[in-house]
N, C-alpha and C. Protein backbone atom coordinates (compact mmCIF):
# COMPACT_ATOMS: atom_id res chain seq x y z
N MET A 1 80.74 169.51 95.60
CA MET A 1 81.19 168.36 94.83
C MET A 1 82.70 168.17 94.96
N PHE A 2 83.46 169.26 94.73
CA PHE A 2 84.92 169.19 94.85
C PHE A 2 85.34 168.78 96.25
N ALA A 3 84.63 169.25 97.26
CA ALA A 3 84.96 168.94 98.65
C ALA A 3 84.85 167.44 98.94
N ASN A 4 84.02 166.73 98.20
CA ASN A 4 83.91 165.28 98.38
C ASN A 4 85.22 164.56 98.09
N TYR A 5 86.05 165.17 97.24
CA TYR A 5 87.29 164.52 96.82
C TYR A 5 88.50 164.92 97.66
N LEU A 6 88.35 165.91 98.53
CA LEU A 6 89.49 166.34 99.37
C LEU A 6 90.00 165.23 100.29
N PRO A 7 89.13 164.48 100.99
CA PRO A 7 89.66 163.39 101.81
C PRO A 7 90.38 162.32 100.97
N LEU A 8 89.88 162.06 99.78
CA LEU A 8 90.55 161.11 98.88
C LEU A 8 91.94 161.62 98.51
N ALA A 9 92.03 162.89 98.15
CA ALA A 9 93.33 163.48 97.81
C ALA A 9 94.29 163.39 98.99
N ALA A 10 93.79 163.68 100.18
CA ALA A 10 94.62 163.60 101.39
C ALA A 10 95.09 162.17 101.63
N ARG A 11 94.18 161.20 101.47
CA ARG A 11 94.54 159.79 101.67
C ARG A 11 95.59 159.35 100.67
N ILE A 12 95.46 159.79 99.41
CA ILE A 12 96.45 159.44 98.39
C ILE A 12 97.81 160.01 98.76
N CYS A 13 97.83 161.28 99.15
CA CYS A 13 99.11 161.93 99.52
C CYS A 13 99.77 161.24 100.71
N LEU A 14 98.99 160.93 101.72
CA LEU A 14 99.56 160.28 102.90
C LEU A 14 99.99 158.84 102.61
N ALA A 15 99.16 158.10 101.90
CA ALA A 15 99.44 156.69 101.67
C ALA A 15 100.64 156.47 100.77
N THR A 16 100.87 157.36 99.83
CA THR A 16 101.92 157.17 98.83
C THR A 16 103.29 156.95 99.47
N ILE A 17 103.63 157.74 100.46
CA ILE A 17 104.96 157.62 101.06
C ILE A 17 105.15 156.26 101.74
N PHE A 18 104.10 155.75 102.37
CA PHE A 18 104.21 154.47 103.05
C PHE A 18 104.26 153.31 102.06
N LEU A 19 103.44 153.37 101.03
CA LEU A 19 103.45 152.31 100.01
C LEU A 19 104.78 152.29 99.26
N TYR A 20 105.30 153.46 98.96
CA TYR A 20 106.60 153.56 98.28
C TYR A 20 107.72 153.02 99.17
N ALA A 21 107.74 153.45 100.41
CA ALA A 21 108.80 153.02 101.33
C ALA A 21 108.71 151.53 101.63
N GLY A 22 107.50 151.02 101.86
CA GLY A 22 107.33 149.59 102.14
C GLY A 22 107.78 148.73 100.98
N THR A 23 107.41 149.14 99.76
CA THR A 23 107.82 148.40 98.56
C THR A 23 109.33 148.47 98.39
N GLY A 24 109.90 149.64 98.63
CA GLY A 24 111.36 149.79 98.52
C GLY A 24 112.11 148.89 99.48
N LYS A 25 111.57 148.72 100.68
CA LYS A 25 112.22 147.85 101.67
C LYS A 25 112.17 146.38 101.25
N ILE A 26 111.13 146.00 100.53
CA ILE A 26 111.07 144.62 100.01
C ILE A 26 112.21 144.39 99.04
N PHE A 27 112.44 145.35 98.14
CA PHE A 27 113.46 145.20 97.11
C PHE A 27 114.88 145.43 97.63
N ASP A 28 115.02 146.03 98.81
CA ASP A 28 116.33 146.18 99.43
C ASP A 28 116.29 145.62 100.85
N PHE A 29 115.72 144.44 100.99
CA PHE A 29 115.54 143.83 102.30
C PHE A 29 116.88 143.68 103.02
N ALA A 30 117.88 143.12 102.32
CA ALA A 30 119.19 142.85 102.95
C ALA A 30 119.86 144.15 103.39
N GLY A 31 119.81 145.18 102.55
CA GLY A 31 120.44 146.45 102.90
C GLY A 31 119.76 147.12 104.08
N THR A 32 118.44 147.09 104.07
CA THR A 32 117.69 147.70 105.18
C THR A 32 117.92 146.92 106.47
N GLN A 33 117.95 145.59 106.36
CA GLN A 33 118.20 144.75 107.53
C GLN A 33 119.58 145.04 108.11
N ALA A 34 120.57 145.23 107.24
CA ALA A 34 121.93 145.54 107.70
C ALA A 34 121.96 146.89 108.42
N THR A 35 121.24 147.87 107.90
CA THR A 35 121.18 149.18 108.54
C THR A 35 120.55 149.07 109.93
N MET A 36 119.49 148.27 110.02
CA MET A 36 118.84 148.08 111.32
C MET A 36 119.76 147.37 112.30
N ALA A 37 120.52 146.41 111.82
CA ALA A 37 121.47 145.70 112.67
C ALA A 37 122.57 146.64 113.15
N GLU A 38 123.02 147.54 112.27
CA GLU A 38 124.04 148.52 112.65
C GLU A 38 123.54 149.45 113.76
N ARG A 39 122.26 149.70 113.79
CA ARG A 39 121.67 150.55 114.83
C ARG A 39 121.49 149.78 116.15
N GLY A 40 121.81 148.49 116.13
CA GLY A 40 121.74 147.69 117.34
C GLY A 40 120.37 147.13 117.65
N LEU A 41 119.48 147.13 116.66
CA LEU A 41 118.13 146.60 116.90
C LEU A 41 118.17 145.08 116.94
N PRO A 42 117.48 144.50 117.90
CA PRO A 42 117.44 143.04 117.96
C PRO A 42 116.52 142.48 116.86
N LEU A 43 116.84 141.29 116.39
CA LEU A 43 116.03 140.61 115.37
C LEU A 43 115.66 141.55 114.21
N PRO A 44 116.65 142.11 113.54
CA PRO A 44 116.35 143.11 112.51
C PRO A 44 115.50 142.55 111.37
N GLY A 45 115.66 141.29 111.01
CA GLY A 45 114.84 140.71 109.94
C GLY A 45 113.38 140.66 110.32
N LEU A 46 113.09 140.27 111.54
CA LEU A 46 111.71 140.20 112.01
C LEU A 46 111.11 141.59 112.15
N LEU A 47 111.88 142.51 112.69
CA LEU A 47 111.39 143.89 112.81
C LEU A 47 111.15 144.51 111.44
N LEU A 48 112.03 144.20 110.49
CA LEU A 48 111.86 144.73 109.14
C LEU A 48 110.61 144.15 108.48
N LEU A 49 110.37 142.89 108.69
CA LEU A 49 109.16 142.28 108.14
C LEU A 49 107.91 142.96 108.71
N GLY A 50 107.90 143.20 110.02
CA GLY A 50 106.80 143.91 110.64
C GLY A 50 106.66 145.32 110.09
N ASN A 51 107.79 145.99 109.89
CA ASN A 51 107.83 147.33 109.33
C ASN A 51 107.15 147.34 107.95
N ILE A 52 107.52 146.39 107.11
CA ILE A 52 106.96 146.31 105.76
C ILE A 52 105.46 146.05 105.82
N VAL A 53 105.05 145.11 106.66
CA VAL A 53 103.62 144.78 106.77
C VAL A 53 102.83 145.99 107.25
N PHE A 54 103.31 146.68 108.28
CA PHE A 54 102.61 147.85 108.80
C PHE A 54 102.47 148.92 107.71
N GLN A 55 103.56 149.16 106.96
CA GLN A 55 103.51 150.21 105.93
C GLN A 55 102.59 149.83 104.78
N LEU A 56 102.68 148.59 104.31
CA LEU A 56 101.87 148.19 103.16
C LEU A 56 100.39 148.01 103.53
N VAL A 57 100.12 147.36 104.64
CA VAL A 57 98.72 147.17 105.05
C VAL A 57 98.11 148.51 105.46
N GLY A 58 98.81 149.25 106.31
CA GLY A 58 98.31 150.56 106.74
C GLY A 58 98.12 151.51 105.56
N GLY A 59 99.10 151.55 104.66
CA GLY A 59 99.01 152.42 103.49
C GLY A 59 97.87 152.04 102.56
N THR A 60 97.66 150.74 102.38
CA THR A 60 96.57 150.28 101.51
C THR A 60 95.21 150.59 102.11
N LEU A 61 95.05 150.34 103.41
CA LEU A 61 93.77 150.66 104.06
C LEU A 61 93.49 152.15 103.99
N LEU A 62 94.51 152.94 104.21
CA LEU A 62 94.36 154.39 104.14
C LEU A 62 93.99 154.82 102.72
N LEU A 63 94.68 154.31 101.74
CA LEU A 63 94.44 154.67 100.35
C LEU A 63 93.01 154.34 99.93
N LEU A 64 92.57 153.14 100.26
CA LEU A 64 91.24 152.69 99.85
C LEU A 64 90.12 153.33 100.65
N GLY A 65 90.44 153.81 101.84
CA GLY A 65 89.39 154.32 102.71
C GLY A 65 88.53 153.19 103.25
N PHE A 66 89.17 152.06 103.51
CA PHE A 66 88.50 150.90 104.09
C PHE A 66 89.20 150.58 105.40
N LYS A 67 88.44 150.59 106.51
CA LYS A 67 89.05 150.42 107.84
C LYS A 67 90.23 151.39 107.97
N MET A 68 90.01 152.58 107.44
CA MET A 68 91.07 153.58 107.35
C MET A 68 91.64 153.98 108.69
N ARG A 69 90.80 154.05 109.70
CA ARG A 69 91.30 154.43 111.02
C ARG A 69 92.26 153.38 111.55
N TRP A 70 92.00 152.11 111.29
CA TRP A 70 92.93 151.05 111.69
C TRP A 70 94.23 151.18 110.91
N GLY A 71 94.12 151.48 109.63
CA GLY A 71 95.32 151.68 108.81
C GLY A 71 96.16 152.84 109.32
N ALA A 72 95.49 153.95 109.64
CA ALA A 72 96.22 155.10 110.17
C ALA A 72 96.88 154.77 111.50
N LEU A 73 96.18 154.01 112.34
CA LEU A 73 96.76 153.61 113.62
C LEU A 73 97.99 152.73 113.41
N LEU A 74 97.92 151.79 112.48
CA LEU A 74 99.10 150.96 112.17
C LEU A 74 100.28 151.84 111.76
N LEU A 75 100.01 152.82 110.93
CA LEU A 75 101.08 153.69 110.45
C LEU A 75 101.65 154.54 111.58
N ILE A 76 100.80 155.00 112.49
CA ILE A 76 101.30 155.76 113.65
C ILE A 76 102.15 154.86 114.54
N LEU A 77 101.68 153.64 114.76
CA LEU A 77 102.45 152.69 115.57
C LEU A 77 103.80 152.36 114.93
N PHE A 78 103.86 152.41 113.62
CA PHE A 78 105.13 152.24 112.92
C PHE A 78 105.99 153.50 113.05
N LEU A 79 105.37 154.66 112.89
CA LEU A 79 106.13 155.92 112.84
C LEU A 79 106.77 156.31 114.16
N VAL A 80 106.08 156.11 115.26
CA VAL A 80 106.61 156.60 116.54
C VAL A 80 107.97 155.97 116.86
N PRO A 81 108.09 154.64 116.93
CA PRO A 81 109.42 154.10 117.24
C PRO A 81 110.44 154.35 116.13
N THR A 82 110.01 154.33 114.88
CA THR A 82 110.93 154.59 113.77
C THR A 82 111.51 155.99 113.88
N THR A 83 110.66 156.94 114.18
CA THR A 83 111.10 158.33 114.31
C THR A 83 112.09 158.48 115.46
N LEU A 84 111.80 157.85 116.58
CA LEU A 84 112.67 157.99 117.74
C LEU A 84 114.01 157.27 117.56
N VAL A 85 114.00 156.14 116.86
CA VAL A 85 115.24 155.36 116.70
C VAL A 85 116.09 155.88 115.54
N PHE A 86 115.45 156.17 114.41
CA PHE A 86 116.22 156.50 113.21
C PHE A 86 116.36 157.99 112.93
N HIS A 87 115.56 158.82 113.56
CA HIS A 87 115.60 160.25 113.28
C HIS A 87 115.74 161.07 114.56
N ALA A 88 116.61 160.61 115.44
CA ALA A 88 116.84 161.27 116.73
C ALA A 88 117.69 162.53 116.50
N PHE A 89 117.03 163.64 116.25
CA PHE A 89 117.73 164.88 115.93
C PHE A 89 118.58 165.39 117.08
N TRP A 90 118.25 164.99 118.32
CA TRP A 90 119.03 165.43 119.48
C TRP A 90 120.40 164.77 119.49
N ALA A 91 120.54 163.62 118.82
CA ALA A 91 121.84 162.95 118.71
C ALA A 91 122.53 163.29 117.40
N ASP A 92 121.74 163.57 116.36
CA ASP A 92 122.28 163.89 115.04
C ASP A 92 121.42 165.00 114.44
N PRO A 93 121.91 166.25 114.49
CA PRO A 93 121.12 167.37 113.97
C PRO A 93 120.75 167.22 112.49
N GLY A 94 121.45 166.38 111.75
CA GLY A 94 121.12 166.14 110.35
C GLY A 94 119.80 165.40 110.18
N GLU A 95 119.25 164.86 111.25
CA GLU A 95 117.98 164.12 111.20
C GLU A 95 116.77 165.00 111.53
N THR A 96 116.99 166.29 111.75
CA THR A 96 115.89 167.17 112.15
C THR A 96 114.77 167.19 111.12
N THR A 97 115.10 167.33 109.84
CA THR A 97 114.06 167.39 108.80
C THR A 97 113.27 166.10 108.74
N ALA A 98 113.95 164.95 108.80
CA ALA A 98 113.25 163.66 108.77
C ALA A 98 112.36 163.50 110.00
N PHE A 99 112.85 163.95 111.16
CA PHE A 99 112.05 163.90 112.39
C PHE A 99 110.78 164.72 112.23
N LEU A 100 110.93 165.95 111.75
CA LEU A 100 109.78 166.84 111.59
C LEU A 100 108.82 166.33 110.51
N LYS A 101 109.36 165.73 109.44
CA LYS A 101 108.51 165.15 108.40
C LYS A 101 107.64 164.05 109.00
N ASN A 102 108.24 163.19 109.79
CA ASN A 102 107.47 162.11 110.42
C ASN A 102 106.46 162.67 111.42
N LEU A 103 106.82 163.71 112.11
CA LEU A 103 105.88 164.37 113.02
C LEU A 103 104.68 164.90 112.23
N GLY A 104 104.94 165.50 111.08
CA GLY A 104 103.87 165.98 110.21
C GLY A 104 103.00 164.84 109.70
N LEU A 105 103.62 163.71 109.35
CA LEU A 105 102.85 162.54 108.91
C LEU A 105 101.94 162.04 110.03
N ILE A 106 102.47 161.99 111.24
CA ILE A 106 101.65 161.57 112.38
C ILE A 106 100.46 162.52 112.54
N GLY A 107 100.71 163.82 112.42
CA GLY A 107 99.62 164.79 112.50
C GLY A 107 98.57 164.58 111.43
N GLY A 108 99.00 164.34 110.20
CA GLY A 108 98.06 164.07 109.11
C GLY A 108 97.26 162.81 109.34
N LEU A 109 97.92 161.79 109.88
CA LEU A 109 97.22 160.53 110.17
C LEU A 109 96.21 160.71 111.31
N LEU A 110 96.58 161.46 112.33
CA LEU A 110 95.64 161.74 113.42
C LEU A 110 94.43 162.51 112.90
N MET A 111 94.68 163.48 112.03
CA MET A 111 93.57 164.24 111.47
C MET A 111 92.69 163.33 110.61
N SER A 112 93.29 162.43 109.86
CA SER A 112 92.52 161.49 109.04
C SER A 112 91.66 160.59 109.91
N MET A 113 92.20 160.19 111.05
CA MET A 113 91.42 159.36 111.96
C MET A 113 90.19 160.13 112.46
N GLN A 114 90.34 161.41 112.71
CA GLN A 114 89.24 162.22 113.20
C GLN A 114 88.20 162.47 112.11
N VAL A 115 88.65 162.82 110.92
CA VAL A 115 87.75 163.19 109.83
C VAL A 115 87.09 161.97 109.21
N GLY A 116 87.81 160.86 109.13
CA GLY A 116 87.28 159.66 108.50
C GLY A 116 87.63 159.61 107.03
N PRO A 117 87.21 158.56 106.34
CA PRO A 117 87.63 158.34 104.96
C PRO A 117 86.97 159.24 103.93
N GLY A 118 85.84 159.84 104.26
CA GLY A 118 85.15 160.72 103.32
C GLY A 118 84.20 159.96 102.41
N PRO A 119 83.48 160.72 101.58
CA PRO A 119 82.45 160.10 100.75
C PRO A 119 82.98 159.28 99.57
N VAL A 120 84.21 159.54 99.13
CA VAL A 120 84.79 158.77 98.03
C VAL A 120 85.76 157.77 98.64
N SER A 121 85.19 156.64 99.09
CA SER A 121 85.98 155.62 99.77
C SER A 121 85.25 154.29 99.70
N VAL A 122 85.98 153.24 99.96
CA VAL A 122 85.36 151.91 99.99
C VAL A 122 84.34 151.84 101.12
N GLU A 123 84.66 152.40 102.27
CA GLU A 123 83.71 152.38 103.40
C GLU A 123 82.40 153.07 103.03
N SER A 124 82.48 154.20 102.36
CA SER A 124 81.28 154.91 101.95
C SER A 124 80.49 154.09 100.94
N LEU A 125 81.18 153.46 100.03
CA LEU A 125 80.52 152.62 99.03
C LEU A 125 79.80 151.45 99.68
N LEU A 126 80.44 150.82 100.66
CA LEU A 126 79.83 149.68 101.34
C LEU A 126 78.67 150.10 102.25
N ALA A 127 78.68 151.34 102.70
CA ALA A 127 77.64 151.82 103.62
C ALA A 127 76.36 152.22 102.90
N LYS A 128 76.44 152.41 101.59
CA LYS A 128 75.25 152.82 100.85
C LYS A 128 74.27 151.67 100.77
N PRO A 129 72.98 151.96 100.95
CA PRO A 129 71.99 150.90 100.84
C PRO A 129 71.90 150.38 99.42
N ASP A 130 71.56 149.12 99.30
CA ASP A 130 71.42 148.48 97.99
C ASP A 130 70.13 148.98 97.36
N ARG A 131 70.25 149.79 96.33
CA ARG A 131 69.09 150.39 95.68
C ARG A 131 68.27 149.38 94.89
N THR A 132 68.82 148.25 94.51
CA THR A 132 68.06 147.27 93.76
C THR A 132 67.01 146.62 94.66
N GLN A 133 67.33 146.44 95.95
CA GLN A 133 66.35 145.87 96.87
C GLN A 133 65.22 146.85 97.13
N GLU A 134 65.54 148.16 97.21
CA GLU A 134 64.52 149.16 97.44
C GLU A 134 63.55 149.19 96.26
N THR A 135 64.08 149.10 95.06
CA THR A 135 63.27 149.16 93.86
C THR A 135 62.37 147.94 93.72
N SER A 136 62.92 146.75 94.02
CA SER A 136 62.15 145.53 93.84
C SER A 136 61.05 145.36 94.88
N SER A 137 61.20 146.01 96.03
CA SER A 137 60.19 145.85 97.07
C SER A 137 59.00 146.79 96.89
N THR A 138 59.11 147.76 95.99
CA THR A 138 58.00 148.71 95.79
C THR A 138 57.12 148.32 94.65
């Protein structure tokens, strides 16, 4: 019984950081956009908008366990370039922890893609047969 809730706990832990960060970027859009511009990224406003969408959509799908593998893929596609551009520890040793944290997040997302959303998820709920139809047909 307890094991049924482990994938849910993992999804909550993984999704929280993305939902928190994506929401934070909405409330500090100008500051985040300025930071991206300082890094020399082209079209920082457009890239930031994509960043927010990937984090919020991917995090929500992961949290709910609905199309979770697509959500995890969105988050990985967000993390790889973000990690390489903003947490390049080879250029700034102070970024080593952030680089490794993102590497760990990618690993957790890959594992989630392999394991799936688990029994306590929207996908599992939608996959269950409608018991009212079974009852009425007998």
